[in-house]
């Protein structure tokens, strides 16, 4: 039995965006990361709807928003990944393991987990389609991990949303949209 429907490795914009939408739509989600995203060094002048903001307050709000929908954010350095008994396993530096039916890699420049999972790579870039699906069924990737030459916060946030919608659509067997209507 898995600990969660989805385990996300990486707690930057891609991972948190995916977690928020997955939890909002009923997928139990665990996010593993160390809150060391490069977003903490960012000054956001290039995201629609944000006039001017430093990355740290943005990430604090993003983390709280994901938690408010029920995402389980855990501080942990993930050192290995694999698959056992039909579940994906993320191994932490502390020797803990977290399992999920699906695994999302939002790992920034670290490709070691992709190598553990024997994912198709193009040099040091994880190969993923526009929906985030990798060469291994059940493993999705986004953000810096799949587009290191087009790094931008909005791209990463969008990748997380796309990954979430891909998972939700696969679960439903039909396209799923997440569009809320104002009262």
N, C-alpha and C. Protein backbone atom coordinates (compact mmCIF):
# COMPACT_ATOMS: atom_id res chain seq x y z
N UNK A 1 0.84 -1.18 0.00
CA UNK A 1 0.00 0.00 0.00
C UNK A 1 0.89 1.24 0.00
N UNK A 2 0.51 2.20 -0.80
CA UNK A 2 1.30 3.43 -0.94
C UNK A 2 0.96 4.42 0.17
N UNK A 3 1.93 5.29 0.47
CA UNK A 3 1.72 6.36 1.43
C UNK A 3 0.82 7.45 0.86
N UNK A 4 0.86 7.63 -0.48
CA UNK A 4 0.10 8.69 -1.13
C UNK A 4 -0.22 8.28 -2.56
N UNK A 5 -1.17 8.98 -3.14
CA UNK A 5 -1.44 8.77 -4.56
C UNK A 5 -0.25 9.25 -5.39
N UNK A 6 0.30 10.40 -4.99
CA UNK A 6 1.40 11.01 -5.74
C UNK A 6 2.48 11.48 -4.77
N UNK A 7 3.72 11.13 -5.08
CA UNK A 7 4.87 11.67 -4.35
C UNK A 7 5.57 12.63 -5.30
N UNK A 8 5.80 13.84 -4.82
CA UNK A 8 6.49 14.87 -5.59
C UNK A 8 7.83 15.13 -4.94
N UNK A 9 8.89 15.02 -5.73
CA UNK A 9 10.22 15.34 -5.24
C UNK A 9 10.58 16.71 -5.79
N UNK A 10 10.67 17.68 -4.90
CA UNK A 10 10.97 19.05 -5.27
C UNK A 10 9.85 19.97 -4.82
N UNK A 11 10.21 20.99 -4.03
CA UNK A 11 9.21 21.88 -3.47
C UNK A 11 9.37 23.32 -3.97
N UNK A 12 9.80 23.44 -5.22
CA UNK A 12 9.83 24.74 -5.88
C UNK A 12 8.49 24.98 -6.57
N UNK A 13 8.43 25.92 -7.50
CA UNK A 13 7.17 26.27 -8.15
C UNK A 13 6.49 25.10 -8.88
N UNK A 14 7.27 24.24 -9.52
CA UNK A 14 6.67 23.10 -10.24
C UNK A 14 6.02 22.14 -9.26
N UNK A 15 6.76 21.73 -8.24
CA UNK A 15 6.24 20.76 -7.29
C UNK A 15 5.04 21.28 -6.50
N UNK A 16 5.12 22.54 -6.06
CA UNK A 16 4.02 23.09 -5.27
C UNK A 16 2.77 23.32 -6.13
N UNK A 17 2.95 23.75 -7.37
CA UNK A 17 1.82 23.95 -8.26
C UNK A 17 1.10 22.62 -8.52
N UNK A 18 1.89 21.57 -8.78
CA UNK A 18 1.29 20.25 -8.99
C UNK A 18 0.57 19.78 -7.73
N UNK A 19 1.21 19.94 -6.58
CA UNK A 19 0.61 19.49 -5.32
C UNK A 19 -0.72 20.19 -5.04
N UNK A 20 -0.75 21.50 -5.24
CA UNK A 20 -1.96 22.26 -4.98
C UNK A 20 -3.13 21.72 -5.81
N UNK A 21 -2.92 21.58 -7.12
CA UNK A 21 -4.02 21.12 -7.99
C UNK A 21 -4.39 19.67 -7.75
N UNK A 22 -3.40 18.84 -7.45
CA UNK A 22 -3.71 17.43 -7.17
C UNK A 22 -4.55 17.31 -5.90
N UNK A 23 -4.13 17.96 -4.83
CA UNK A 23 -4.88 17.91 -3.57
C UNK A 23 -6.27 18.52 -3.74
N UNK A 24 -6.34 19.63 -4.43
CA UNK A 24 -7.62 20.31 -4.65
C UNK A 24 -8.62 19.37 -5.34
N UNK A 25 -8.09 18.43 -6.10
CA UNK A 25 -8.94 17.53 -6.87
C UNK A 25 -8.90 16.09 -6.35
N UNK A 26 -8.57 15.93 -5.07
CA UNK A 26 -8.76 14.64 -4.40
C UNK A 26 -7.62 13.65 -4.47
N UNK A 27 -6.43 14.05 -4.92
CA UNK A 27 -5.28 13.15 -4.94
C UNK A 27 -4.41 13.41 -3.72
N UNK A 28 -4.24 12.40 -2.88
CA UNK A 28 -3.40 12.51 -1.69
C UNK A 28 -1.96 12.69 -2.16
N UNK A 29 -1.32 13.78 -1.72
CA UNK A 29 -0.01 14.17 -2.25
C UNK A 29 0.98 14.46 -1.14
N UNK A 30 2.19 13.90 -1.29
CA UNK A 30 3.30 14.20 -0.39
C UNK A 30 4.37 14.88 -1.21
N UNK A 31 4.87 16.01 -0.71
CA UNK A 31 5.95 16.75 -1.36
C UNK A 31 7.19 16.65 -0.48
N UNK A 32 8.29 16.20 -1.08
CA UNK A 32 9.56 16.08 -0.38
C UNK A 32 10.52 17.13 -0.93
N UNK A 33 11.10 17.92 -0.04
CA UNK A 33 12.04 18.94 -0.48
C UNK A 33 12.67 19.64 0.71
N UNK A 34 13.55 20.57 0.39
CA UNK A 34 14.30 21.25 1.45
C UNK A 34 14.12 22.76 1.42
N UNK A 35 13.16 23.23 0.66
CA UNK A 35 12.91 24.67 0.53
C UNK A 35 14.19 25.42 0.17
N UNK A 36 14.94 24.84 -0.78
CA UNK A 36 16.18 25.46 -1.25
C UNK A 36 16.08 25.87 -2.71
N UNK A 37 14.89 26.11 -3.18
CA UNK A 37 14.67 26.48 -4.57
C UNK A 37 15.41 27.77 -4.94
N UNK A 38 15.92 27.86 -6.17
CA UNK A 38 16.53 29.11 -6.63
C UNK A 38 15.56 30.29 -6.60
N UNK A 39 14.27 30.02 -6.45
CA UNK A 39 13.29 31.11 -6.35
C UNK A 39 13.59 32.05 -5.18
N UNK A 40 14.28 31.56 -4.18
CA UNK A 40 14.62 32.41 -3.04
C UNK A 40 15.57 33.55 -3.43
N UNK A 41 16.27 33.41 -4.55
CA UNK A 41 17.15 34.47 -5.03
C UNK A 41 16.48 35.33 -6.09
N UNK A 42 15.26 34.99 -6.45
CA UNK A 42 14.57 35.67 -7.56
C UNK A 42 13.93 36.98 -7.13
N UNK A 43 13.86 37.88 -8.05
CA UNK A 43 13.02 39.06 -7.94
C UNK A 43 12.00 38.93 -9.05
N UNK A 44 10.75 38.83 -8.69
CA UNK A 44 9.70 38.53 -9.65
C UNK A 44 9.12 39.81 -10.25
N UNK A 45 9.52 40.07 -11.47
CA UNK A 45 8.99 41.20 -12.24
C UNK A 45 8.34 40.68 -13.53
N UNK A 46 8.34 39.37 -13.69
CA UNK A 46 7.96 38.79 -14.97
C UNK A 46 6.86 37.72 -14.87
N UNK A 47 6.05 37.80 -13.82
CA UNK A 47 4.94 36.87 -13.68
C UNK A 47 3.64 37.67 -13.71
N UNK A 48 2.78 37.30 -14.60
CA UNK A 48 1.49 37.96 -14.75
C UNK A 48 0.78 38.03 -13.40
N UNK A 49 0.33 39.21 -13.02
CA UNK A 49 -0.41 39.39 -11.78
C UNK A 49 0.47 39.74 -10.59
N UNK A 50 1.78 39.67 -10.75
CA UNK A 50 2.70 40.05 -9.68
C UNK A 50 3.53 41.21 -10.20
N UNK A 51 3.35 42.36 -9.57
CA UNK A 51 4.04 43.56 -10.04
C UNK A 51 5.53 43.52 -9.73
N UNK A 52 5.87 43.23 -8.48
CA UNK A 52 7.27 43.22 -8.06
C UNK A 52 7.31 42.55 -6.69
N UNK A 53 8.00 41.41 -6.62
CA UNK A 53 8.06 40.69 -5.36
C UNK A 53 9.33 39.85 -5.32
N UNK A 54 9.91 39.74 -4.15
CA UNK A 54 11.04 38.84 -3.97
C UNK A 54 10.53 37.40 -3.90
N UNK A 55 11.40 36.47 -4.26
CA UNK A 55 11.03 35.07 -4.35
C UNK A 55 10.67 34.41 -3.03
N UNK A 56 11.32 34.80 -1.94
CA UNK A 56 11.05 34.14 -0.66
C UNK A 56 9.62 34.35 -0.18
N UNK A 57 9.08 35.57 -0.16
CA UNK A 57 7.68 35.72 0.25
C UNK A 57 6.72 34.98 -0.71
N UNK A 58 7.06 35.00 -1.99
CA UNK A 58 6.25 34.27 -2.97
C UNK A 58 6.22 32.78 -2.62
N UNK A 59 7.39 32.20 -2.33
CA UNK A 59 7.46 30.77 -2.01
C UNK A 59 6.76 30.47 -0.69
N UNK A 60 6.86 31.37 0.29
CA UNK A 60 6.15 31.15 1.55
C UNK A 60 4.65 31.08 1.32
N UNK A 61 4.12 31.99 0.49
CA UNK A 61 2.68 31.95 0.17
C UNK A 61 2.33 30.69 -0.62
N UNK A 62 3.19 30.30 -1.55
CA UNK A 62 2.94 29.11 -2.36
C UNK A 62 2.90 27.86 -1.47
N UNK A 63 3.83 27.76 -0.53
CA UNK A 63 3.85 26.61 0.38
C UNK A 63 2.57 26.58 1.24
N UNK A 64 2.18 27.73 1.76
CA UNK A 64 0.98 27.80 2.59
C UNK A 64 -0.27 27.46 1.76
N UNK A 65 -0.31 27.94 0.54
CA UNK A 65 -1.46 27.66 -0.32
C UNK A 65 -1.56 26.16 -0.61
N UNK A 66 -0.45 25.51 -0.92
CA UNK A 66 -0.47 24.06 -1.17
C UNK A 66 -0.92 23.32 0.10
N UNK A 67 -0.40 23.74 1.24
CA UNK A 67 -0.82 23.12 2.51
C UNK A 67 -2.30 23.33 2.79
N UNK A 68 -2.82 24.50 2.43
CA UNK A 68 -4.23 24.80 2.71
C UNK A 68 -5.17 23.85 1.98
N UNK A 69 -4.71 23.28 0.88
CA UNK A 69 -5.53 22.30 0.15
C UNK A 69 -5.26 20.88 0.64
N UNK A 70 -4.31 20.72 1.55
CA UNK A 70 -4.05 19.42 2.14
C UNK A 70 -2.75 18.76 1.75
N UNK A 71 -1.92 19.41 0.94
CA UNK A 71 -0.64 18.82 0.56
C UNK A 71 0.23 18.61 1.80
N UNK A 72 0.85 17.46 1.88
CA UNK A 72 1.74 17.11 2.97
C UNK A 72 3.16 17.47 2.54
N UNK A 73 3.67 18.61 3.02
CA UNK A 73 5.02 19.07 2.68
C UNK A 73 5.98 18.59 3.76
N UNK A 74 6.98 17.81 3.35
CA UNK A 74 7.94 17.26 4.30
C UNK A 74 9.35 17.72 3.94
N UNK A 75 10.07 18.16 4.97
CA UNK A 75 11.46 18.55 4.74
C UNK A 75 12.30 17.29 4.69
N UNK A 76 12.86 17.02 3.52
CA UNK A 76 13.67 15.81 3.35
C UNK A 76 14.51 15.93 2.09
N UNK A 77 15.75 15.47 2.18
CA UNK A 77 16.62 15.35 1.00
C UNK A 77 16.42 13.95 0.45
N UNK A 78 15.95 13.86 -0.77
CA UNK A 78 15.73 12.56 -1.40
C UNK A 78 17.03 12.13 -2.06
N UNK A 79 17.47 10.91 -1.73
CA UNK A 79 18.76 10.42 -2.22
C UNK A 79 18.64 9.26 -3.19
N UNK A 80 17.43 8.73 -3.35
CA UNK A 80 17.26 7.61 -4.28
C UNK A 80 15.80 7.41 -4.61
N UNK A 81 15.57 6.76 -5.74
CA UNK A 81 14.20 6.47 -6.17
C UNK A 81 14.18 5.13 -6.90
N UNK A 82 13.06 4.46 -6.81
CA UNK A 82 12.89 3.19 -7.49
C UNK A 82 11.44 2.80 -7.53
N UNK A 83 11.20 1.55 -7.81
CA UNK A 83 9.84 1.04 -7.88
C UNK A 83 9.83 -0.34 -7.24
N UNK A 84 8.81 -0.59 -6.43
CA UNK A 84 8.65 -1.89 -5.82
C UNK A 84 7.17 -2.18 -5.62
N UNK A 85 6.77 -3.38 -5.93
CA UNK A 85 5.38 -3.82 -5.75
C UNK A 85 4.38 -2.86 -6.37
N UNK A 86 4.69 -2.30 -7.52
CA UNK A 86 3.76 -1.42 -8.22
C UNK A 86 3.70 0.00 -7.70
N UNK A 87 4.54 0.34 -6.73
CA UNK A 87 4.59 1.70 -6.19
C UNK A 87 5.98 2.28 -6.41
N UNK A 88 6.02 3.59 -6.54
CA UNK A 88 7.30 4.28 -6.64
C UNK A 88 7.77 4.61 -5.24
N UNK A 89 9.07 4.52 -5.04
CA UNK A 89 9.66 4.72 -3.73
C UNK A 89 10.68 5.86 -3.81
N UNK A 90 10.55 6.81 -2.90
CA UNK A 90 11.55 7.86 -2.73
C UNK A 90 12.24 7.60 -1.40
N UNK A 91 13.57 7.51 -1.44
CA UNK A 91 14.37 7.25 -0.25
C UNK A 91 15.03 8.54 0.19
N UNK A 92 14.94 8.82 1.49
CA UNK A 92 15.51 10.06 2.00
C UNK A 92 16.87 9.84 2.65
N UNK A 93 17.58 10.92 2.82
CA UNK A 93 18.89 10.90 3.45
C UNK A 93 18.83 10.30 4.85
N UNK A 94 17.70 10.44 5.52
CA UNK A 94 17.52 9.92 6.88
C UNK A 94 17.16 8.44 6.91
N UNK A 95 17.05 7.81 5.73
CA UNK A 95 16.72 6.40 5.66
C UNK A 95 15.24 6.10 5.59
N UNK A 96 14.41 7.14 5.56
CA UNK A 96 12.98 6.94 5.43
C UNK A 96 12.63 6.66 3.97
N UNK A 97 11.50 6.02 3.75
CA UNK A 97 10.98 5.83 2.40
C UNK A 97 9.55 6.32 2.34
N UNK A 98 9.21 6.90 1.20
CA UNK A 98 7.85 7.36 0.95
C UNK A 98 7.44 6.73 -0.37
N UNK A 99 6.23 6.16 -0.41
CA UNK A 99 5.78 5.49 -1.63
C UNK A 99 4.54 6.18 -2.19
N UNK A 100 4.42 6.09 -3.50
CA UNK A 100 3.26 6.66 -4.18
C UNK A 100 2.94 5.89 -5.44
N UNK A 101 1.70 5.99 -5.87
CA UNK A 101 1.28 5.34 -7.11
C UNK A 101 1.90 6.02 -8.32
N UNK A 102 2.18 7.33 -8.18
CA UNK A 102 2.86 8.10 -9.22
C UNK A 102 3.97 8.90 -8.55
N UNK A 103 4.97 9.25 -9.37
CA UNK A 103 6.11 10.01 -8.89
C UNK A 103 6.33 11.19 -9.81
N UNK A 104 6.47 12.37 -9.23
CA UNK A 104 6.74 13.59 -10.00
C UNK A 104 8.14 14.08 -9.63
N UNK A 105 8.96 14.29 -10.65
CA UNK A 105 10.29 14.84 -10.46
C UNK A 105 10.28 16.31 -10.81
N UNK A 106 10.42 17.14 -9.79
CA UNK A 106 10.53 18.59 -9.94
C UNK A 106 11.83 18.97 -9.25
N UNK A 107 12.90 18.36 -9.72
CA UNK A 107 14.17 18.32 -9.01
C UNK A 107 15.19 19.37 -9.45
N UNK A 108 14.77 20.33 -10.22
CA UNK A 108 15.70 21.36 -10.66
C UNK A 108 16.82 20.75 -11.48
N UNK A 109 18.05 21.07 -11.12
CA UNK A 109 19.20 20.61 -11.90
C UNK A 109 19.69 19.22 -11.50
N UNK A 110 19.13 18.63 -10.47
CA UNK A 110 19.56 17.30 -10.01
C UNK A 110 18.87 16.22 -10.85
N UNK A 111 19.66 15.47 -11.58
CA UNK A 111 19.13 14.40 -12.45
C UNK A 111 19.37 13.00 -11.87
N UNK A 112 19.88 12.91 -10.65
CA UNK A 112 20.24 11.62 -10.09
C UNK A 112 19.05 10.67 -9.96
N UNK A 113 17.88 11.18 -9.61
CA UNK A 113 16.71 10.30 -9.48
C UNK A 113 16.26 9.80 -10.85
N UNK A 114 16.39 10.63 -11.87
CA UNK A 114 16.07 10.20 -13.23
C UNK A 114 16.99 9.05 -13.64
N UNK A 115 18.24 9.15 -13.23
CA UNK A 115 19.19 8.07 -13.52
C UNK A 115 18.82 6.81 -12.74
N UNK A 116 18.44 6.96 -11.46
CA UNK A 116 18.00 5.80 -10.66
C UNK A 116 16.85 5.08 -11.33
N UNK A 117 15.95 5.84 -11.94
CA UNK A 117 14.75 5.27 -12.56
C UNK A 117 14.97 4.89 -14.02
N UNK A 118 16.19 5.09 -14.50
CA UNK A 118 16.55 4.77 -15.89
C UNK A 118 15.64 5.46 -16.90
N UNK A 119 15.36 6.75 -16.65
CA UNK A 119 14.53 7.53 -17.56
C UNK A 119 15.33 7.91 -18.80
N UNK A 120 14.64 8.07 -19.91
CA UNK A 120 15.28 8.56 -21.12
C UNK A 120 15.76 9.98 -20.87
N UNK A 121 16.99 10.24 -21.32
CA UNK A 121 17.60 11.56 -21.13
C UNK A 121 18.14 12.04 -22.46
N UNK A 122 18.17 13.34 -22.62
CA UNK A 122 18.85 13.97 -23.74
C UNK A 122 20.01 14.75 -23.14
N UNK A 123 21.15 14.11 -23.07
CA UNK A 123 22.27 14.70 -22.33
C UNK A 123 21.94 14.69 -20.85
N UNK A 124 21.85 15.88 -20.25
CA UNK A 124 21.52 15.95 -18.82
C UNK A 124 20.09 16.45 -18.59
N UNK A 125 19.25 16.32 -19.61
CA UNK A 125 17.86 16.78 -19.53
C UNK A 125 16.93 15.57 -19.55
N UNK A 126 15.99 15.53 -18.61
CA UNK A 126 14.99 14.46 -18.60
C UNK A 126 14.06 14.66 -19.80
N UNK A 127 13.86 13.61 -20.58
CA UNK A 127 12.93 13.69 -21.70
C UNK A 127 11.51 13.51 -21.19
N UNK A 128 10.66 14.48 -21.47
CA UNK A 128 9.25 14.43 -21.08
C UNK A 128 8.45 15.09 -22.19
N UNK A 129 7.22 14.60 -22.39
CA UNK A 129 6.36 15.23 -23.39
C UNK A 129 5.72 16.49 -22.80
N UNK A 130 4.90 17.16 -23.59
CA UNK A 130 4.32 18.43 -23.14
C UNK A 130 3.38 18.26 -21.95
N UNK A 131 2.95 17.05 -21.67
CA UNK A 131 2.09 16.78 -20.51
C UNK A 131 2.89 16.42 -19.27
N UNK A 132 4.21 16.25 -19.43
CA UNK A 132 5.07 15.90 -18.30
C UNK A 132 5.40 14.42 -18.21
N UNK A 133 4.83 13.58 -19.08
CA UNK A 133 5.09 12.14 -19.03
C UNK A 133 6.50 11.84 -19.50
N UNK A 134 7.19 10.99 -18.75
CA UNK A 134 8.54 10.57 -19.09
C UNK A 134 8.48 9.20 -19.77
N UNK A 135 9.64 8.61 -19.99
CA UNK A 135 9.72 7.30 -20.63
C UNK A 135 9.26 6.17 -19.71
N UNK A 136 9.03 6.45 -18.47
CA UNK A 136 8.59 5.42 -17.52
C UNK A 136 7.18 5.73 -17.07
N UNK A 137 6.27 4.79 -17.31
CA UNK A 137 4.88 4.99 -16.93
C UNK A 137 4.77 5.27 -15.43
N UNK A 138 4.01 6.31 -15.11
CA UNK A 138 3.80 6.67 -13.72
C UNK A 138 4.77 7.71 -13.20
N UNK A 139 5.79 8.06 -14.00
CA UNK A 139 6.76 9.07 -13.59
C UNK A 139 6.61 10.28 -14.51
N UNK A 140 6.41 11.44 -13.90
CA UNK A 140 6.29 12.68 -14.65
C UNK A 140 7.37 13.64 -14.19
N UNK A 141 7.71 14.61 -15.05
CA UNK A 141 8.76 15.57 -14.70
C UNK A 141 8.43 16.92 -15.31
N UNK A 142 8.93 17.97 -14.66
CA UNK A 142 8.69 19.31 -15.17
C UNK A 142 9.67 20.32 -14.61
N UNK A 143 9.52 21.55 -15.06
CA UNK A 143 10.36 22.65 -14.59
C UNK A 143 11.76 22.55 -15.15
N UNK A 144 12.70 23.00 -14.36
CA UNK A 144 14.10 23.06 -14.75
C UNK A 144 14.62 21.69 -15.19
N UNK A 145 14.07 20.62 -14.63
CA UNK A 145 14.51 19.26 -14.94
C UNK A 145 14.31 18.90 -16.41
N UNK A 146 13.32 19.54 -17.07
CA UNK A 146 13.05 19.20 -18.47
C UNK A 146 13.36 20.34 -19.43
N UNK A 147 13.57 21.54 -18.92
CA UNK A 147 13.87 22.68 -19.80
C UNK A 147 14.88 23.62 -19.17
N UNK A 148 16.12 23.16 -19.03
CA UNK A 148 17.13 23.97 -18.34
C UNK A 148 17.52 25.24 -19.09
N UNK A 149 17.18 25.33 -20.35
CA UNK A 149 17.55 26.51 -21.13
C UNK A 149 16.41 27.51 -21.25
N UNK A 150 15.28 27.19 -20.62
CA UNK A 150 14.12 28.09 -20.61
C UNK A 150 13.58 28.19 -19.20
N UNK A 151 14.43 28.58 -18.28
CA UNK A 151 14.06 28.66 -16.88
C UNK A 151 13.33 29.97 -16.63
N UNK A 152 12.14 29.86 -16.11
CA UNK A 152 11.31 31.03 -15.79
C UNK A 152 10.25 30.55 -14.82
N UNK A 153 9.93 31.32 -13.82
CA UNK A 153 9.00 30.88 -12.78
C UNK A 153 7.64 30.51 -13.35
N UNK A 154 7.12 31.31 -14.28
CA UNK A 154 5.81 31.01 -14.84
C UNK A 154 5.82 29.69 -15.60
N UNK A 155 6.92 29.39 -16.31
CA UNK A 155 7.04 28.09 -16.98
C UNK A 155 6.96 26.96 -15.97
N UNK A 156 7.68 27.12 -14.87
CA UNK A 156 7.71 26.08 -13.86
C UNK A 156 6.35 25.88 -13.19
N UNK A 157 5.68 26.98 -12.89
CA UNK A 157 4.33 26.90 -12.31
C UNK A 157 3.39 26.20 -13.29
N UNK A 158 3.48 26.58 -14.56
CA UNK A 158 2.64 25.96 -15.59
C UNK A 158 2.94 24.48 -15.77
N UNK A 159 4.22 24.11 -15.69
CA UNK A 159 4.56 22.68 -15.78
C UNK A 159 3.89 21.90 -14.66
N UNK A 160 3.91 22.45 -13.45
CA UNK A 160 3.27 21.77 -12.32
C UNK A 160 1.78 21.60 -12.54
N UNK A 161 1.13 22.64 -13.05
CA UNK A 161 -0.30 22.55 -13.33
C UNK A 161 -0.58 21.51 -14.42
N UNK A 162 0.25 21.52 -15.46
CA UNK A 162 0.07 20.55 -16.55
C UNK A 162 0.26 19.12 -16.06
N UNK A 163 1.27 18.91 -15.21
CA UNK A 163 1.49 17.58 -14.64
C UNK A 163 0.28 17.15 -13.83
N UNK A 164 -0.24 18.03 -13.00
CA UNK A 164 -1.42 17.69 -12.18
C UNK A 164 -2.61 17.32 -13.06
N UNK A 165 -2.86 18.13 -14.08
CA UNK A 165 -3.99 17.84 -14.96
C UNK A 165 -3.78 16.55 -15.74
N UNK A 166 -2.53 16.24 -16.08
CA UNK A 166 -2.23 14.97 -16.76
C UNK A 166 -2.56 13.78 -15.85
N UNK A 167 -2.16 13.88 -14.59
CA UNK A 167 -2.45 12.80 -13.64
C UNK A 167 -3.95 12.68 -13.42
N UNK A 168 -4.62 13.79 -13.20
CA UNK A 168 -6.07 13.77 -12.97
C UNK A 168 -6.80 13.22 -14.18
N UNK A 169 -6.37 13.58 -15.37
CA UNK A 169 -7.00 13.08 -16.60
C UNK A 169 -6.77 11.58 -16.75
N UNK A 170 -5.56 11.12 -16.45
CA UNK A 170 -5.28 9.68 -16.52
C UNK A 170 -6.16 8.91 -15.54
N UNK A 171 -6.32 9.44 -14.35
CA UNK A 171 -7.18 8.80 -13.34
C UNK A 171 -8.64 8.76 -13.79
N UNK A 172 -9.11 9.84 -14.39
CA UNK A 172 -10.51 9.94 -14.80
C UNK A 172 -10.79 9.23 -16.13
N UNK A 173 -9.75 8.96 -16.91
CA UNK A 173 -9.94 8.34 -18.21
C UNK A 173 -10.49 9.31 -19.25
N UNK A 174 -10.43 10.59 -18.95
CA UNK A 174 -10.88 11.63 -19.87
C UNK A 174 -10.24 12.95 -19.45
N UNK A 175 -10.21 13.93 -20.35
CA UNK A 175 -9.59 15.21 -19.98
C UNK A 175 -10.26 15.84 -18.77
N UNK A 176 -9.43 16.33 -17.86
CA UNK A 176 -9.91 17.02 -16.67
C UNK A 176 -9.42 18.46 -16.74
N UNK A 177 -10.30 19.36 -16.39
CA UNK A 177 -9.97 20.79 -16.35
C UNK A 177 -10.14 21.27 -14.92
N UNK A 178 -9.39 22.26 -14.54
CA UNK A 178 -9.53 22.85 -13.23
C UNK A 178 -9.78 24.34 -13.43
N UNK A 179 -11.05 24.69 -13.41
CA UNK A 179 -11.45 26.06 -13.68
C UNK A 179 -12.55 26.41 -12.71
N UNK A 180 -12.27 27.28 -11.78
CA UNK A 180 -13.25 27.66 -10.77
C UNK A 180 -14.03 28.88 -11.25
N UNK A 181 -15.31 28.92 -10.92
CA UNK A 181 -16.18 30.02 -11.28
C UNK A 181 -16.42 30.91 -10.07
N UNK A 182 -16.25 32.21 -10.23
CA UNK A 182 -16.50 33.15 -9.14
C UNK A 182 -17.98 33.18 -8.81
N UNK A 183 -18.27 33.41 -7.55
CA UNK A 183 -19.67 33.50 -7.11
C UNK A 183 -20.34 34.73 -7.67
